[in-house]
Amino acid sequence: MHGTDILQANTVSNISYLGFWIIVNNKEYFVPFKDYPVFKKSSLDHIFKVKMISPQQLRWKDLDVDIEIDALERPTLFPLQYK
């Protein structure tokens, strides 16, 4: 259907003191607070307000945070961390 959003995001499936898990297109990824400290200080409402803005990019508008799926799949290839 024309105009229908077909990007599947983003169900935060679990949150722990180490980070949270998010499901994107039926695959689960871990977002560690040590690498993304902005989330550790965020409310649950803000963490759950995630959108998929492209097939490879997640966005938390209220937090002004974008994360590429590749960075979650292969974090060792992306040594720069959000500060």
PDB file of N, CA and C in Angstrom:
ATOM      1  N   MET A   1       0.832  -1.177   0.000  1.00  0.00           N
ATOM      2  CA  MET A   1       0.000   0.000   0.000  1.00  0.00           C
ATOM      3  C   MET A   1       0.877   1.241   0.000  1.00  0.00           C
ATOM      4  N   HIS A   2       0.600   2.172  -0.878  1.00  0.00           N
ATOM      5  CA  HIS A   2       1.372   3.392  -1.004  1.00  0.00           C
ATOM      6  C   HIS A   2       1.312   4.194   0.296  1.00  0.00           C
ATOM      7  N   GLY A   3       2.481   4.648   0.768  1.00  0.00           N
ATOM      8  CA  GLY A   3       2.525   5.467   1.966  1.00  0.00           C
ATOM      9  C   GLY A   3       2.564   4.697   3.263  1.00  0.00           C
ATOM     10  N   THR A   4       2.594   3.393   3.197  1.00  0.00           N
ATOM     11  CA  THR A   4       2.631   2.581   4.404  1.00  0.00           C
ATOM     12  C   THR A   4       4.079   2.355   4.813  1.00  0.00           C
ATOM     13  N   ASP A   5       4.367   2.545   6.088  1.00  0.00           N
ATOM     14  CA  ASP A   5       5.704   2.317   6.616  1.00  0.00           C
ATOM     15  C   ASP A   5       5.947   0.814   6.698  1.00  0.00           C
ATOM     16  N   ILE A   6       6.947   0.335   5.940  1.00  0.00           N
ATOM     17  CA  ILE A   6       7.223  -1.096   5.937  1.00  0.00           C
ATOM     18  C   ILE A   6       8.443  -1.452   6.782  1.00  0.00           C
ATOM     19  N   LEU A   7       9.136  -0.453   7.332  1.00  0.00           N
ATOM     20  CA  LEU A   7      10.280  -0.741   8.175  1.00  0.00           C
ATOM     21  C   LEU A   7       9.786  -1.273   9.511  1.00  0.00           C
ATOM     22  N   GLN A   8      10.332  -2.397   9.891  1.00  0.00           N
ATOM     23  CA  GLN A   8       9.912  -3.027  11.132  1.00  0.00           C
ATOM     24  C   GLN A   8      10.892  -2.656  12.239  1.00  0.00           C
ATOM     25  N   ALA A   9      10.447  -1.909  13.217  1.00  0.00           N
ATOM     26  CA  ALA A   9      11.311  -1.607  14.326  1.00  0.00           C
ATOM     27  C   ALA A   9      10.582  -2.050  15.534  1.00  0.00           C
ATOM     28  N   ASN A  10      11.314  -2.467  16.107  1.00  0.00           N
ATOM     29  CA  ASN A  10      11.906  -1.884  17.223  1.00  0.00           C
ATOM     30  C   ASN A  10      11.002  -2.070  18.393  1.00  0.00           C
ATOM     31  N   THR A  11      11.144  -3.189  18.898  1.00  0.00           N
ATOM     32  CA  THR A  11      10.509  -3.489  20.159  1.00  0.00           C
ATOM     33  C   THR A  11      11.621  -3.660  21.168  1.00  0.00           C
ATOM     34  N   VAL A  12      11.628  -2.851  22.176  1.00  0.00           N
ATOM     35  CA  VAL A  12      12.569  -3.057  23.269  1.00  0.00           C
ATOM     36  C   VAL A  12      12.039  -4.258  24.038  1.00  0.00           C
ATOM     37  N   SER A  13      12.826  -5.320  24.069  1.00  0.00           N
ATOM     38  CA  SER A  13      12.333  -6.576  24.629  1.00  0.00           C
ATOM     39  C   SER A  13      12.725  -6.801  26.083  1.00  0.00           C
ATOM     40  N   ASN A  14      13.801  -6.143  26.525  1.00  0.00           N
ATOM     41  CA  ASN A  14      14.254  -6.333  27.903  1.00  0.00           C
ATOM     42  C   ASN A  14      15.213  -5.208  28.254  1.00  0.00           C
ATOM     43  N   ILE A  15      15.218  -4.826  29.520  1.00  0.00           N
ATOM     44  CA  ILE A  15      16.153  -3.817  30.016  1.00  0.00           C
ATOM     45  C   ILE A  15      16.768  -4.360  31.293  1.00  0.00           C
ATOM     46  N   SER A  16      18.091  -4.224  31.404  1.00  0.00           N
ATOM     47  CA  SER A  16      18.790  -4.625  32.620  1.00  0.00           C
ATOM     48  C   SER A  16      19.704  -3.478  33.044  1.00  0.00           C
ATOM     49  N   TYR A  17      20.446  -3.684  34.091  1.00  0.00           N
ATOM     50  CA  TYR A  17      21.367  -2.647  34.538  1.00  0.00           C
ATOM     51  C   TYR A  17      22.555  -2.486  33.577  1.00  0.00           C
ATOM     52  N   LEU A  18      22.755  -3.438  32.667  1.00  0.00           N
ATOM     53  CA  LEU A  18      23.847  -3.376  31.692  1.00  0.00           C
ATOM     54  C   LEU A  18      23.457  -2.723  30.374  1.00  0.00           C
ATOM     55  N   GLY A  19      22.163  -2.716  30.067  1.00  0.00           N
ATOM     56  CA  GLY A  19      21.709  -2.171  28.791  1.00  0.00           C
ATOM     57  C   GLY A  19      20.334  -2.703  28.458  1.00  0.00           C
ATOM     58  N   PHE A  20      20.003  -2.641  27.170  1.00  0.00           N
ATOM     59  CA  PHE A  20      18.696  -3.165  26.761  1.00  0.00           C
ATOM     60  C   PHE A  20      18.804  -3.895  25.438  1.00  0.00           C
ATOM     61  N   TRP A  21      17.824  -4.732  25.186  1.00  0.00           N
ATOM     62  CA  TRP A  21      17.733  -5.508  23.959  1.00  0.00           C
ATOM     63  C   TRP A  21      16.615  -4.923  23.121  1.00  0.00           C
ATOM     64  N   ILE A  22      16.868  -4.865  21.825  1.00  0.00           N
ATOM     65  CA  ILE A  22      15.869  -4.334  20.904  1.00  0.00           C
ATOM     66  C   ILE A  22      15.732  -5.303  19.732  1.00  0.00           C
ATOM     67  N   ILE A  23      14.505  -5.521  19.304  1.00  0.00           N
ATOM     68  CA  ILE A  23      14.236  -6.405  18.171  1.00  0.00           C
ATOM     69  C   ILE A  23      13.978  -5.550  16.943  1.00  0.00           C
ATOM     70  N   VAL A  24      14.750  -5.831  15.888  1.00  0.00           N
ATOM     71  CA  VAL A  24      14.613  -5.122  14.615  1.00  0.00           C
ATOM     72  C   VAL A  24      14.536  -6.169  13.512  1.00  0.00           C
ATOM     73  N   ASN A  25      13.436  -6.160  12.782  1.00  0.00           N
ATOM     74  CA  ASN A  25      13.251  -7.129  11.696  1.00  0.00           C
ATOM     75  C   ASN A  25      13.522  -8.555  12.154  1.00  0.00           C
ATOM     76  N   ASN A  26      12.929  -8.913  13.281  1.00  0.00           N
ATOM     77  CA  ASN A  26      13.009 -10.267  13.839  1.00  0.00           C
ATOM     78  C   ASN A  26      14.405 -10.679  14.301  1.00  0.00           C
ATOM     79  N   LYS A  27      15.290  -9.718  14.510  1.00  0.00           N
ATOM     80  CA  LYS A  27      16.615 -10.006  15.042  1.00  0.00           C
ATOM     81  C   LYS A  27      16.824  -9.148  16.284  1.00  0.00           C
ATOM     82  N   GLU A  28      17.393  -9.754  17.322  1.00  0.00           N
ATOM     83  CA  GLU A  28      17.571  -9.046  18.583  1.00  0.00           C
ATOM     84  C   GLU A  28      19.004  -8.531  18.720  1.00  0.00           C
ATOM     85  N   TYR A  29      19.119  -7.282  19.181  1.00  0.00           N
ATOM     86  CA  TYR A  29      20.413  -6.633  19.380  1.00  0.00           C
ATOM     87  C   TYR A  29      20.496  -6.118  20.809  1.00  0.00           C
ATOM     88  N   PHE A  30      21.721  -6.092  21.339  1.00  0.00           N
ATOM     89  CA  PHE A  30      21.952  -5.553  22.672  1.00  0.00           C
ATOM     90  C   PHE A  30      22.571  -4.170  22.549  1.00  0.00           C
ATOM     91  N   VAL A  31      22.037  -3.224  23.305  1.00  0.00           N
ATOM     92  CA  VAL A  31      22.552  -1.851  23.352  1.00  0.00           C
ATOM     93  C   VAL A  31      23.112  -1.644  24.759  1.00  0.00           C
ATOM     94  N   PRO A  32      24.439  -1.736  24.915  1.00  0.00           N
ATOM     95  CA  PRO A  32      25.023  -1.634  26.251  1.00  0.00           C
ATOM     96  C   PRO A  32      25.105  -0.181  26.726  1.00  0.00           C
ATOM     97  N   PHE A  33      24.777   0.033  27.994  1.00  0.00           N
ATOM     98  CA  PHE A  33      24.861   1.373  28.566  1.00  0.00           C
ATOM     99  C   PHE A  33      26.297   1.893  28.594  1.00  0.00           C
ATOM    100  N   LYS A  34      27.274   0.993  28.692  1.00  0.00           N
ATOM    101  CA  LYS A  34      28.666   1.453  28.735  1.00  0.00           C
ATOM    102  C   LYS A  34      29.077   2.101  27.412  1.00  0.00           C
ATOM    103  N   ASP A  35      28.505   1.658  26.303  1.00  0.00           N
ATOM    104  CA  ASP A  35      28.805   2.237  25.002  1.00  0.00           C
ATOM    105  C   ASP A  35      27.869   3.383  24.632  1.00  0.00           C
ATOM    106  N   TYR A  36      26.681   3.383  25.207  1.00  0.00           N
ATOM    107  CA  TYR A  36      25.660   4.398  24.914  1.00  0.00           C
ATOM    108  C   TYR A  36      25.109   4.933  26.235  1.00  0.00           C
ATOM    109  N   PRO A  37      25.920   5.699  26.976  1.00  0.00           N
ATOM    110  CA  PRO A  37      25.522   6.124  28.327  1.00  0.00           C
ATOM    111  C   PRO A  37      24.300   7.036  28.373  1.00  0.00           C
ATOM    112  N   VAL A  38      23.961   7.668  27.273  1.00  0.00           N
ATOM    113  CA  VAL A  38      22.775   8.524  27.271  1.00  0.00           C
ATOM    114  C   VAL A  38      21.525   7.737  27.667  1.00  0.00           C
ATOM    115  N   PHE A  39      21.476   6.463  27.325  1.00  0.00           N
ATOM    116  CA  PHE A  39      20.306   5.645  27.649  1.00  0.00           C
ATOM    117  C   PHE A  39      20.234   5.313  29.142  1.00  0.00           C
ATOM    118  N   LYS A  40      21.374   5.211  29.806  1.00  0.00           N
ATOM    119  CA  LYS A  40      21.386   4.859  31.219  1.00  0.00           C
ATOM    120  C   LYS A  40      20.685   5.923  32.054  1.00  0.00           C
ATOM    121  N   LYS A  41      20.778   7.158  31.613  1.00  0.00           N
ATOM    122  CA  LYS A  41      20.176   8.269  32.348  1.00  0.00           C
ATOM    123  C   LYS A  41      18.791   8.630  31.816  1.00  0.00           C
ATOM    124  N   SER A  42      18.301   7.877  30.849  1.00  0.00           N
ATOM    125  CA  SER A  42      17.025   8.177  30.198  1.00  0.00           C
ATOM    126  C   SER A  42      15.872   7.451  30.877  1.00  0.00           C
ATOM    127  N   SER A  43      14.696   7.995  30.703  1.00  0.00           N
ATOM    128  CA  SER A  43      13.501   7.328  31.227  1.00  0.00           C
ATOM    129  C   SER A  43      13.150   6.132  30.337  1.00  0.00           C
ATOM    130  N   LEU A  44      12.370   5.233  30.878  1.00  0.00           N
ATOM    131  CA  LEU A  44      11.899   4.100  30.080  1.00  0.00           C
ATOM    132  C   LEU A  44      11.091   4.585  28.883  1.00  0.00           C
ATOM    133  N   ASP A  45      10.279   5.607  29.085  1.00  0.00           N
ATOM    134  CA  ASP A  45       9.494   6.163  27.974  1.00  0.00           C
ATOM    135  C   ASP A  45      10.386   6.585  26.821  1.00  0.00           C
ATOM    136  N   HIS A  46      11.501   7.227  27.132  1.00  0.00           N
ATOM    137  CA  HIS A  46      12.414   7.665  26.071  1.00  0.00           C
ATOM    138  C   HIS A  46      13.077   6.480  25.375  1.00  0.00           C
ATOM    139  N   ILE A  47      13.453   5.469  26.123  1.00  0.00           N
ATOM    140  CA  ILE A  47      14.087   4.292  25.514  1.00  0.00           C
ATOM    141  C   ILE A  47      13.115   3.571  24.588  1.00  0.00           C
ATOM    142  N   PHE A  48      11.858   3.499  24.973  1.00  0.00           N
ATOM    143  CA  PHE A  48      10.860   2.800  24.161  1.00  0.00           C
ATOM    144  C   PHE A  48      10.420   3.597  22.934  1.00  0.00           C
ATOM    145  N   LYS A  49      10.704   4.880  22.871  1.00  0.00           N
ATOM    146  CA  LYS A  49      10.297   5.711  21.722  1.00  0.00           C
ATOM    147  C   LYS A  49      11.364   5.677  20.634  1.00  0.00           C
ATOM    148  N   VAL A  50      11.498   4.545  20.007  1.00  0.00           N
ATOM    149  CA  VAL A  50      12.488   4.357  18.957  1.00  0.00           C
ATOM    150  C   VAL A  50      11.773   4.187  17.629  1.00  0.00           C
ATOM    151  N   LYS A  51      12.359   4.751  16.590  1.00  0.00           N
ATOM    152  CA  LYS A  51      11.831   4.631  15.234  1.00  0.00           C
ATOM    153  C   LYS A  51      12.938   4.144  14.322  1.00  0.00           C
ATOM    154  N   MET A  52      12.545   3.470  13.294  1.00  0.00           N
ATOM    155  CA  MET A  52      13.480   3.050  12.261  1.00  0.00           C
ATOM    156  C   MET A  52      13.386   4.085  11.151  1.00  0.00           C
ATOM    157  N   ILE A  53      14.465   4.828  10.931  1.00  0.00           N
ATOM    158  CA  ILE A  53      14.409   5.896   9.932  1.00  0.00           C
ATOM    159  C   ILE A  53      14.988   5.475   8.587  1.00  0.00           C
ATOM    160  N   SER A  54      15.634   4.328   8.552  1.00  0.00           N
ATOM    161  CA  SER A  54      16.088   3.715   7.304  1.00  0.00           C
ATOM    162  C   SER A  54      16.267   2.231   7.589  1.00  0.00           C
ATOM    163  N   PRO A  55      16.502   1.428   6.569  1.00  0.00           N
ATOM    164  CA  PRO A  55      16.690  -0.005   6.831  1.00  0.00           C
ATOM    165  C   PRO A  55      17.879  -0.311   7.748  1.00  0.00           C
ATOM    166  N   GLN A  56      18.779   0.642   7.916  1.00  0.00           N
ATOM    167  CA  GLN A  56      19.969   0.400   8.734  1.00  0.00           C
ATOM    168  C   GLN A  56      20.147   1.389   9.878  1.00  0.00           C
ATOM    169  N   GLN A  57      19.121   2.172  10.200  1.00  0.00           N
ATOM    170  CA  GLN A  57      19.316   3.195  11.218  1.00  0.00           C
ATOM    171  C   GLN A  57      18.118   3.338  12.152  1.00  0.00           C
ATOM    172  N   LEU A  58      18.429   3.332  13.448  1.00  0.00           N
ATOM    173  CA  LEU A  58      17.441   3.550  14.495  1.00  0.00           C
ATOM    174  C   LEU A  58      17.578   4.974  15.009  1.00  0.00           C
ATOM    175  N   ARG A  59      16.456   5.557  15.426  1.00  0.00           N
ATOM    176  CA  ARG A  59      16.466   6.947  15.912  1.00  0.00           C
ATOM    177  C   ARG A  59      15.611   7.077  17.159  1.00  0.00           C
ATOM    178  N   TRP A  60      16.183   7.720  18.173  1.00  0.00           N
ATOM    179  CA  TRP A  60      15.479   8.131  19.369  1.00  0.00           C
ATOM    180  C   TRP A  60      15.415   9.658  19.327  1.00  0.00           C
ATOM    181  N   LYS A  61      14.357  10.184  18.739  1.00  0.00           N
ATOM    182  CA  LYS A  61      14.241  11.619  18.490  1.00  0.00           C
ATOM    183  C   LYS A  61      14.336  12.436  19.776  1.00  0.00           C
ATOM    184  N   ASP A  62      13.622  12.018  20.810  1.00  0.00           N
ATOM    185  CA  ASP A  62      13.613  12.774  22.065  1.00  0.00           C
ATOM    186  C   ASP A  62      14.995  12.853  22.710  1.00  0.00           C
ATOM    187  N   LEU A  63      15.838  11.870  22.441  1.00  0.00           N
ATOM    188  CA  LEU A  63      17.184  11.839  23.005  1.00  0.00           C
ATOM    189  C   LEU A  63      18.248  12.340  22.035  1.00  0.00           C
ATOM    190  N   ASP A  64      17.845  12.614  20.791  1.00  0.00           N
ATOM    191  CA  ASP A  64      18.761  13.027  19.723  1.00  0.00           C
ATOM    192  C   ASP A  64      19.878  11.990  19.532  1.00  0.00           C
ATOM    193  N   VAL A  65      19.459  10.717  19.419  1.00  0.00           N
ATOM    194  CA  VAL A  65      20.393   9.600  19.271  1.00  0.00           C
ATOM    195  C   VAL A  65      20.010   8.788  18.044  1.00  0.00           C
ATOM    196  N   ASP A  66      21.007   8.483  17.215  1.00  0.00           N
ATOM    197  CA  ASP A  66      20.864   7.577  16.075  1.00  0.00           C
ATOM    198  C   ASP A  66      21.888   6.461  16.245  1.00  0.00           C
ATOM    199  N   ILE A  67      21.492   5.238  15.926  1.00  0.00           N
ATOM    200  CA  ILE A  67      22.425   4.105  15.956  1.00  0.00           C
ATOM    201  C   ILE A  67      22.253   3.315  14.672  1.00  0.00           C
ATOM    202  N   GLU A  68      23.363   3.039  14.024  1.00  0.00           N
ATOM    203  CA  GLU A  68      23.365   2.187  12.840  1.00  0.00           C
ATOM    204  C   GLU A  68      23.286   0.718  13.279  1.00  0.00           C
ATOM    205  N   ILE A  69      22.514  -0.064  12.568  1.00  0.00           N
ATOM    206  CA  ILE A  69      22.403  -1.501  12.864  1.00  0.00           C
ATOM    207  C   ILE A  69      23.770  -2.166  12.778  1.00  0.00           C
ATOM    208  N   ASP A  70      24.592  -1.764  11.827  1.00  0.00           N
ATOM    209  CA  ASP A  70      25.937  -2.343  11.697  1.00  0.00           C
ATOM    210  C   ASP A  70      26.748  -2.169  12.984  1.00  0.00           C
ATOM    211  N   ALA A  71      26.578  -1.056  13.667  1.00  0.00           N
ATOM    212  CA  ALA A  71      27.311  -0.820  14.916  1.00  0.00           C
ATOM    213  C   ALA A  71      26.860  -1.785  16.005  1.00  0.00           C
ATOM    214  N   LEU A  72      25.617  -2.208  15.964  1.00  0.00           N
ATOM    215  CA  LEU A  72      25.125  -3.188  16.938  1.00  0.00           C
ATOM    216  C   LEU A  72      25.510  -4.610  16.540  1.00  0.00           C
ATOM    217  N   GLU A  73      25.560  -4.875  15.249  1.00  0.00           N
ATOM    218  CA  GLU A  73      25.930  -6.216  14.776  1.00  0.00           C
ATOM    219  C   GLU A  73      27.416  -6.490  14.944  1.00  0.00           C
ATOM    220  N   ARG A  74      28.241  -5.473  14.670  1.00  0.00           N
ATOM    221  CA  ARG A  74      29.698  -5.632  14.711  1.00  0.00           C
ATOM    222  C   ARG A  74      30.341  -4.453  15.453  1.00  0.00           C
ATOM    223  N   PRO A  75      30.153  -4.387  16.762  1.00  0.00           N
ATOM    224  CA  PRO A  75      30.650  -3.227  17.511  1.00  0.00           C
ATOM    225  C   PRO A  75      32.163  -3.043  17.450  1.00  0.00           C
ATOM    226  N   THR A  76      32.909  -4.116  17.228  1.00  0.00           N
ATOM    227  CA  THR A  76      34.364  -3.972  17.168  1.00  0.00           C
ATOM    228  C   THR A  76      34.822  -3.189  15.939  1.00  0.00           C
ATOM    229  N   LEU A  77      33.982  -3.115  14.918  1.00  0.00           N
ATOM    230  CA  LEU A  77      34.325  -2.330  13.724  1.00  0.00           C
ATOM    231  C   LEU A  77      34.036  -0.842  13.901  1.00  0.00           C
ATOM    232  N   PHE A  78      33.364  -0.495  15.004  1.00  0.00           N
ATOM    233  CA  PHE A  78      32.980   0.886  15.278  1.00  0.00           C
ATOM    234  C   PHE A  78      33.519   1.282  16.647  1.00  0.00           C
ATOM    235  N   PRO A  79      34.831   1.560  16.709  1.00  0.00           N
ATOM    236  CA  PRO A  79      35.442   1.810  18.025  1.00  0.00           C
ATOM    237  C   PRO A  79      35.035   3.129  18.668  1.00  0.00           C
ATOM    238  N   LEU A  80      34.571   4.081  17.892  1.00  0.00           N
ATOM    239  CA  LEU A  80      34.143   5.340  18.475  1.00  0.00           C
ATOM    240  C   LEU A  80      32.829   5.134  19.215  1.00  0.00           C
ATOM    241  N   GLN A  81      32.767   5.689  20.395  1.00  0.00           N
ATOM    242  CA  GLN A  81      31.585   5.512  21.219  1.00  0.00           C
ATOM    243  C   GLN A  81      30.937   6.869  21.471  1.00  0.00           C
ATOM    244  N   TYR A  82      29.654   6.823  21.690  1.00  0.00           N
ATOM    245  CA  TYR A  82      28.901   8.024  22.015  1.00  0.00           C
ATOM    246  C   TYR A  82      29.347   8.524  23.375  1.00  0.00           C
ATOM    247  N   LYS A  83      29.643   9.791  23.491  1.00  0.00           N
ATOM    248  CA  LYS A  83      30.040  10.394  24.778  1.00  0.00           C
ATOM    249  C   LYS A  83      29.109  11.531  25.100  1.00  0.00           C
TER     250      LYS A  83
END
